[in-house]
Amino acid sequence: MEVDWQPEETLVSSCEEDCTHLGGVKDMRLEAEAIVNDVLFAVAKMHISHSLNSALDVAYINVETKERNQYCLELTEAGLRVVGYAFDQVNEDVSTQYHETVYSLLDSLSPGYREAFGNALLQRLERLKQNGQ
């Protein structure tokens, strides 16, 4: 199940709208910040790596799922992919597919993410229903 939906109206807008573009290239550090802010509610931990060097064209995000599995994610123009199975770890032997969205990537890694995302959606729909009555 891939859903590109933000559960709260106050979440950071997509990079396409708000991030600084430098010479036609997205600043992946800003994109990574937006990603972390967007899905932090649905994972145990998530932050931009302070040990791995991020740049305009690449950023690294550490995430711990609700199941307590740790991953190091690489963010580039190609998308997001797992590059390590511990925080701040890039393993050149790991070859995983790129995902266009963080939602798709987390959906493939974490049943707890899917549940948290679904619950947030239900709560939002309930609020809309209550406001409409």
N, C-alpha and C. Protein backbone atom coordinates (compact mmCIF):
# COMPACT_ATOMS: atom_id res chain seq x y z
N MET A 1 0.84 -1.18 0.00
CA MET A 1 0.00 0.00 0.00
C MET A 1 0.88 1.24 0.00
N GLU A 2 0.87 2.01 -1.04
CA GLU A 2 1.64 3.25 -1.11
C GLU A 2 0.67 4.41 -1.11
N VAL A 3 0.84 5.27 -0.11
CA VAL A 3 -0.03 6.43 0.02
C VAL A 3 0.83 7.66 0.18
N ASP A 4 0.71 8.59 -0.74
CA ASP A 4 1.44 9.84 -0.63
C ASP A 4 0.51 10.90 -0.08
N TRP A 5 0.28 10.84 1.22
CA TRP A 5 -0.64 11.74 1.89
C TRP A 5 -0.01 12.20 3.18
N GLN A 6 -0.20 13.47 3.53
CA GLN A 6 0.34 14.00 4.77
C GLN A 6 -0.78 14.08 5.80
N PRO A 7 -0.62 13.43 6.97
CA PRO A 7 -1.71 13.32 7.93
C PRO A 7 -2.06 14.62 8.65
N GLU A 8 -1.22 15.59 8.65
CA GLU A 8 -1.50 16.85 9.33
C GLU A 8 -1.29 18.00 8.37
N GLU A 9 -2.17 18.98 8.43
CA GLU A 9 -2.08 20.13 7.54
C GLU A 9 -0.84 20.96 7.80
N THR A 10 -0.31 20.93 9.03
CA THR A 10 0.82 21.77 9.40
C THR A 10 2.17 21.18 9.02
N LEU A 11 2.17 20.02 8.37
CA LEU A 11 3.44 19.40 8.01
C LEU A 11 4.16 20.23 6.96
N VAL A 12 5.45 20.04 6.88
CA VAL A 12 6.28 20.76 5.93
C VAL A 12 5.84 20.42 4.52
N SER A 13 5.74 21.42 3.67
CA SER A 13 5.37 21.22 2.28
C SER A 13 6.48 20.49 1.55
N SER A 14 6.14 19.97 0.40
CA SER A 14 7.14 19.24 -0.38
C SER A 14 8.25 20.17 -0.83
N CYS A 15 9.38 19.58 -1.09
CA CYS A 15 10.54 20.36 -1.53
C CYS A 15 10.26 21.06 -2.84
N GLU A 16 9.44 20.48 -3.68
CA GLU A 16 9.14 21.09 -4.97
C GLU A 16 8.62 22.51 -4.79
N GLU A 17 7.91 22.76 -3.70
CA GLU A 17 7.31 24.07 -3.48
C GLU A 17 8.21 25.00 -2.68
N ASP A 18 8.89 24.48 -1.66
CA ASP A 18 9.53 25.35 -0.69
C ASP A 18 11.05 25.31 -0.63
N CYS A 19 11.69 24.26 -1.08
CA CYS A 19 13.13 24.13 -0.92
C CYS A 19 13.88 25.07 -1.85
N THR A 20 15.06 25.40 -1.42
CA THR A 20 15.92 26.24 -2.24
C THR A 20 16.49 25.42 -3.38
N HIS A 21 16.39 25.95 -4.58
CA HIS A 21 16.97 25.29 -5.74
C HIS A 21 18.21 26.09 -6.13
N LEU A 22 19.31 25.41 -6.22
CA LEU A 22 20.56 26.06 -6.56
C LEU A 22 21.02 25.54 -7.91
N GLY A 23 20.93 26.37 -8.91
CA GLY A 23 21.34 25.96 -10.24
C GLY A 23 20.54 24.79 -10.77
N GLY A 24 19.26 24.71 -10.42
CA GLY A 24 18.42 23.63 -10.90
C GLY A 24 18.53 22.34 -10.11
N VAL A 25 19.34 22.32 -9.05
CA VAL A 25 19.53 21.13 -8.23
C VAL A 25 18.88 21.35 -6.87
N LYS A 26 18.09 20.39 -6.43
CA LYS A 26 17.49 20.47 -5.09
C LYS A 26 18.58 20.33 -4.05
N ASP A 27 18.45 21.05 -2.96
CA ASP A 27 19.35 20.89 -1.83
C ASP A 27 18.83 19.71 -1.01
N MET A 28 19.50 18.58 -1.10
CA MET A 28 19.05 17.36 -0.45
C MET A 28 19.04 17.48 1.07
N ARG A 29 19.84 18.38 1.62
CA ARG A 29 19.82 18.58 3.07
C ARG A 29 18.49 19.16 3.50
N LEU A 30 17.96 20.10 2.73
CA LEU A 30 16.65 20.68 3.05
C LEU A 30 15.53 19.68 2.81
N GLU A 31 15.66 18.91 1.76
CA GLU A 31 14.68 17.86 1.47
C GLU A 31 14.66 16.84 2.61
N ALA A 32 15.83 16.47 3.12
CA ALA A 32 15.92 15.50 4.21
C ALA A 32 15.24 16.04 5.47
N GLU A 33 15.43 17.31 5.77
CA GLU A 33 14.75 17.91 6.93
C GLU A 33 13.24 17.82 6.78
N ALA A 34 12.73 18.10 5.59
CA ALA A 34 11.30 18.03 5.34
C ALA A 34 10.79 16.60 5.51
N ILE A 35 11.55 15.63 5.03
CA ILE A 35 11.16 14.23 5.15
C ILE A 35 11.07 13.83 6.62
N VAL A 36 12.08 14.18 7.40
CA VAL A 36 12.09 13.84 8.82
C VAL A 36 10.86 14.45 9.51
N ASN A 37 10.60 15.72 9.27
CA ASN A 37 9.46 16.38 9.89
C ASN A 37 8.13 15.76 9.46
N ASP A 38 8.09 15.25 8.26
CA ASP A 38 6.86 14.72 7.69
C ASP A 38 6.43 13.39 8.31
N VAL A 39 7.36 12.51 8.61
CA VAL A 39 6.99 11.15 9.03
C VAL A 39 7.47 10.78 10.43
N LEU A 40 8.00 11.72 11.16
CA LEU A 40 8.51 11.44 12.50
C LEU A 40 7.44 10.83 13.41
N PHE A 41 6.19 11.21 13.21
CA PHE A 41 5.09 10.70 14.03
C PHE A 41 4.90 9.18 13.88
N ALA A 42 5.39 8.60 12.81
CA ALA A 42 5.08 7.21 12.49
C ALA A 42 6.27 6.26 12.64
N VAL A 43 7.38 6.75 13.19
CA VAL A 43 8.56 5.92 13.42
C VAL A 43 9.03 6.14 14.86
N ALA A 44 9.92 5.27 15.34
CA ALA A 44 10.44 5.42 16.70
C ALA A 44 11.43 6.57 16.79
N LYS A 45 12.35 6.65 15.83
CA LYS A 45 13.37 7.71 15.78
C LYS A 45 13.67 8.03 14.33
N MET A 46 14.01 9.29 14.07
CA MET A 46 14.43 9.67 12.73
C MET A 46 15.16 10.99 12.81
N HIS A 47 16.36 11.05 12.21
CA HIS A 47 17.13 12.28 12.18
C HIS A 47 18.16 12.24 11.05
N ILE A 48 18.59 13.41 10.65
CA ILE A 48 19.64 13.50 9.64
C ILE A 48 20.95 13.10 10.29
N SER A 49 21.73 12.31 9.59
CA SER A 49 23.02 11.86 10.10
C SER A 49 23.95 13.05 10.33
N HIS A 50 24.59 13.05 11.48
CA HIS A 50 25.60 14.08 11.78
C HIS A 50 27.01 13.56 11.48
N SER A 51 27.13 12.23 11.34
CA SER A 51 28.43 11.62 11.09
C SER A 51 28.77 11.53 9.61
N LEU A 52 27.75 11.30 8.79
CA LEU A 52 27.97 11.18 7.35
C LEU A 52 27.79 12.54 6.70
N ASN A 53 28.64 12.86 5.76
CA ASN A 53 28.59 14.16 5.12
C ASN A 53 27.45 14.25 4.11
N SER A 54 26.57 15.19 4.33
CA SER A 54 25.52 15.49 3.37
C SER A 54 25.99 16.63 2.50
N ALA A 55 25.41 16.74 1.32
CA ALA A 55 25.78 17.78 0.37
C ALA A 55 24.53 18.20 -0.39
N LEU A 56 24.73 19.06 -1.37
CA LEU A 56 23.59 19.48 -2.18
C LEU A 56 22.92 18.29 -2.87
N ASP A 57 23.72 17.30 -3.29
CA ASP A 57 23.17 16.21 -4.09
C ASP A 57 22.91 14.92 -3.32
N VAL A 58 23.26 14.85 -2.03
CA VAL A 58 23.03 13.64 -1.25
C VAL A 58 22.89 14.00 0.24
N ALA A 59 21.98 13.29 0.90
CA ALA A 59 21.81 13.43 2.35
C ALA A 59 21.56 12.04 2.93
N TYR A 60 21.93 11.88 4.18
CA TYR A 60 21.74 10.60 4.86
C TYR A 60 20.82 10.79 6.05
N ILE A 61 19.86 9.89 6.18
CA ILE A 61 18.86 9.95 7.23
C ILE A 61 18.90 8.64 8.01
N ASN A 62 18.97 8.74 9.33
CA ASN A 62 18.89 7.57 10.19
C ASN A 62 17.44 7.40 10.64
N VAL A 63 16.94 6.18 10.55
CA VAL A 63 15.57 5.92 10.98
C VAL A 63 15.52 4.61 11.77
N GLU A 64 14.76 4.66 12.84
CA GLU A 64 14.46 3.46 13.62
C GLU A 64 12.96 3.26 13.55
N THR A 65 12.54 2.10 13.06
CA THR A 65 11.13 1.82 12.88
C THR A 65 10.47 1.49 14.23
N LYS A 66 9.17 1.39 14.21
CA LYS A 66 8.42 1.01 15.41
C LYS A 66 8.84 -0.38 15.89
N GLU A 67 9.34 -1.20 14.96
CA GLU A 67 9.80 -2.55 15.30
C GLU A 67 11.23 -2.55 15.85
N ARG A 68 11.82 -1.37 15.99
CA ARG A 68 13.18 -1.17 16.52
C ARG A 68 14.28 -1.60 15.56
N ASN A 69 13.98 -1.68 14.27
CA ASN A 69 15.00 -1.93 13.26
C ASN A 69 15.61 -0.59 12.84
N GLN A 70 16.92 -0.54 12.75
CA GLN A 70 17.60 0.69 12.37
C GLN A 70 18.08 0.62 10.92
N TYR A 71 17.98 1.77 10.25
CA TYR A 71 18.41 1.88 8.86
C TYR A 71 19.12 3.20 8.65
N CYS A 72 20.02 3.22 7.72
CA CYS A 72 20.61 4.45 7.22
C CYS A 72 20.10 4.60 5.79
N LEU A 73 19.44 5.72 5.51
CA LEU A 73 18.86 5.97 4.20
C LEU A 73 19.68 7.00 3.45
N GLU A 74 19.79 6.81 2.16
CA GLU A 74 20.45 7.77 1.29
C GLU A 74 19.37 8.47 0.47
N LEU A 75 19.43 9.78 0.43
CA LEU A 75 18.49 10.59 -0.35
C LEU A 75 19.25 11.29 -1.46
N THR A 76 18.85 11.02 -2.70
CA THR A 76 19.43 11.69 -3.87
C THR A 76 18.29 12.06 -4.82
N GLU A 77 18.62 12.65 -5.94
CA GLU A 77 17.61 12.96 -6.96
C GLU A 77 16.88 11.70 -7.42
N ALA A 78 17.54 10.55 -7.34
CA ALA A 78 16.93 9.28 -7.75
C ALA A 78 15.87 8.81 -6.78
N GLY A 79 15.91 9.29 -5.54
CA GLY A 79 14.94 8.89 -4.52
C GLY A 79 15.64 8.50 -3.24
N LEU A 80 14.96 7.67 -2.46
CA LEU A 80 15.47 7.18 -1.18
C LEU A 80 15.75 5.69 -1.28
N ARG A 81 16.82 5.27 -0.61
CA ARG A 81 17.11 3.83 -0.54
C ARG A 81 17.87 3.54 0.75
N VAL A 82 17.78 2.29 1.19
CA VAL A 82 18.52 1.82 2.35
C VAL A 82 19.96 1.58 1.92
N VAL A 83 20.92 2.14 2.67
CA VAL A 83 22.34 1.91 2.38
C VAL A 83 23.06 1.25 3.55
N GLY A 84 22.35 1.08 4.68
CA GLY A 84 22.96 0.43 5.84
C GLY A 84 21.89 -0.01 6.82
N TYR A 85 22.25 -0.96 7.67
CA TYR A 85 21.31 -1.51 8.63
C TYR A 85 21.67 -1.14 10.06
N ALA A 86 22.24 0.04 10.22
CA ALA A 86 22.54 0.66 11.51
C ALA A 86 22.66 2.16 11.26
N PHE A 87 22.53 2.95 12.29
CA PHE A 87 22.68 4.40 12.14
C PHE A 87 24.08 4.72 11.62
N ASP A 88 24.15 5.71 10.74
CA ASP A 88 25.42 6.24 10.22
C ASP A 88 26.28 5.18 9.55
N GLN A 89 25.65 4.18 8.94
CA GLN A 89 26.40 3.11 8.29
C GLN A 89 26.07 3.08 6.80
N VAL A 90 27.08 3.20 5.97
CA VAL A 90 26.92 3.04 4.53
C VAL A 90 27.71 1.80 4.14
N ASN A 91 26.99 0.79 3.70
CA ASN A 91 27.61 -0.46 3.29
C ASN A 91 27.54 -0.54 1.77
N GLU A 92 28.69 -0.47 1.12
CA GLU A 92 28.75 -0.47 -0.35
C GLU A 92 28.20 -1.77 -0.94
N ASP A 93 28.14 -2.83 -0.14
CA ASP A 93 27.63 -4.12 -0.63
C ASP A 93 26.10 -4.18 -0.63
N VAL A 94 25.45 -3.25 0.06
CA VAL A 94 23.99 -3.22 0.11
C VAL A 94 23.47 -2.63 -1.20
N SER A 95 22.61 -3.38 -1.86
CA SER A 95 22.04 -2.92 -3.12
C SER A 95 20.52 -3.01 -3.01
N THR A 96 19.89 -1.90 -2.67
CA THR A 96 18.44 -1.87 -2.52
C THR A 96 17.83 -0.93 -3.54
N GLN A 97 16.56 -1.12 -3.79
CA GLN A 97 15.89 -0.31 -4.80
C GLN A 97 15.61 1.10 -4.27
N TYR A 98 15.53 2.03 -5.18
CA TYR A 98 15.15 3.40 -4.85
C TYR A 98 13.64 3.50 -4.75
N HIS A 99 13.19 4.34 -3.84
CA HIS A 99 11.77 4.65 -3.68
C HIS A 99 11.58 6.13 -3.97
N GLU A 100 10.52 6.45 -4.69
CA GLU A 100 10.24 7.85 -5.01
C GLU A 100 9.86 8.65 -3.78
N THR A 101 9.21 7.99 -2.82
CA THR A 101 8.75 8.70 -1.63
C THR A 101 9.19 7.98 -0.36
N VAL A 102 9.26 8.73 0.72
CA VAL A 102 9.56 8.15 2.02
C VAL A 102 8.42 7.24 2.47
N TYR A 103 7.20 7.57 2.04
CA TYR A 103 6.04 6.76 2.40
C TYR A 103 6.16 5.36 1.83
N SER A 104 6.56 5.26 0.58
CA SER A 104 6.74 3.96 -0.07
C SER A 104 7.85 3.17 0.60
N LEU A 105 8.96 3.83 0.89
CA LEU A 105 10.08 3.15 1.52
C LEU A 105 9.69 2.61 2.89
N LEU A 106 9.10 3.46 3.73
CA LEU A 106 8.72 3.02 5.08
C LEU A 106 7.63 1.97 5.03
N ASP A 107 6.73 2.08 4.07
CA ASP A 107 5.68 1.08 3.93
C ASP A 107 6.28 -0.29 3.64
N SER A 108 7.38 -0.33 2.91
CA SER A 108 8.03 -1.61 2.60
C SER A 108 8.84 -2.16 3.76
N LEU A 109 9.22 -1.31 4.71
CA LEU A 109 10.08 -1.73 5.82
C LEU A 109 9.34 -2.01 7.12
N SER A 110 8.20 -1.35 7.34
CA SER A 110 7.65 -1.30 8.69
C SER A 110 6.14 -1.44 8.76
N PRO A 111 5.65 -2.59 9.25
CA PRO A 111 4.21 -2.70 9.49
C PRO A 111 3.73 -1.67 10.53
N GLY A 112 4.58 -1.33 11.48
CA GLY A 112 4.23 -0.31 12.48
C GLY A 112 4.03 1.06 11.87
N TYR A 113 4.79 1.36 10.84
CA TYR A 113 4.60 2.62 10.11
C TYR A 113 3.23 2.62 9.45
N ARG A 114 2.90 1.51 8.77
CA ARG A 114 1.60 1.42 8.09
C ARG A 114 0.47 1.62 9.09
N GLU A 115 0.59 1.00 10.27
CA GLU A 115 -0.46 1.13 11.28
C GLU A 115 -0.56 2.56 11.79
N ALA A 116 0.57 3.18 12.09
CA ALA A 116 0.56 4.57 12.58
C ALA A 116 0.00 5.51 11.53
N PHE A 117 0.37 5.28 10.29
CA PHE A 117 -0.11 6.11 9.18
C PHE A 117 -1.62 5.94 9.03
N GLY A 118 -2.09 4.70 9.07
CA GLY A 118 -3.52 4.43 8.96
C GLY A 118 -4.31 5.04 10.11
N ASN A 119 -3.77 4.95 11.31
CA ASN A 119 -4.43 5.55 12.47
C ASN A 119 -4.50 7.07 12.35
N ALA A 120 -3.43 7.68 11.87
CA ALA A 120 -3.43 9.14 11.67
C ALA A 120 -4.48 9.53 10.64
N LEU A 121 -4.59 8.74 9.59
CA LEU A 121 -5.60 9.00 8.56
C LEU A 121 -7.00 8.91 9.15
N LEU A 122 -7.27 7.86 9.93
CA LEU A 122 -8.58 7.71 10.55
C LEU A 122 -8.90 8.86 11.48
N GLN A 123 -7.93 9.28 12.28
CA GLN A 123 -8.15 10.41 13.19
C GLN A 123 -8.46 11.68 12.43
N ARG A 124 -7.76 11.90 11.35
CA ARG A 124 -7.99 13.09 10.52
C ARG A 124 -9.39 13.05 9.91
N LEU A 125 -9.79 11.90 9.41
CA LEU A 125 -11.14 11.76 8.84
C LEU A 125 -12.21 11.98 9.90
N GLU A 126 -11.97 11.49 11.11
CA GLU A 126 -12.93 11.70 12.20
C GLU A 126 -13.07 13.19 12.53
N ARG A 127 -11.93 13.90 12.56
CA ARG A 127 -11.98 15.36 12.82
C ARG A 127 -12.74 16.08 11.72
N LEU A 128 -12.52 15.69 10.47
CA LEU A 128 -13.24 16.31 9.37
C LEU A 128 -14.73 16.02 9.47
N LYS A 129 -15.07 14.79 9.84
CA LYS A 129 -16.47 14.42 9.99
C LYS A 129 -17.13 15.24 11.10
N GLN A 130 -16.45 15.38 12.25
CA GLN A 130 -16.99 16.15 13.37
C GLN A 130 -17.15 17.62 13.01
N ASN A 131 -16.20 18.17 12.28
CA ASN A 131 -16.28 19.57 11.88
C ASN A 131 -17.37 19.81 10.84
N GLY A 132 -17.72 18.77 10.09
CA GLY A 132 -18.74 18.89 9.07
C GLY A 132 -20.15 18.75 9.59
N GLN A 133 -20.32 18.30 10.82
CA GLN A 133 -21.66 18.08 11.39
C GLN A 133 -22.15 19.27 12.16
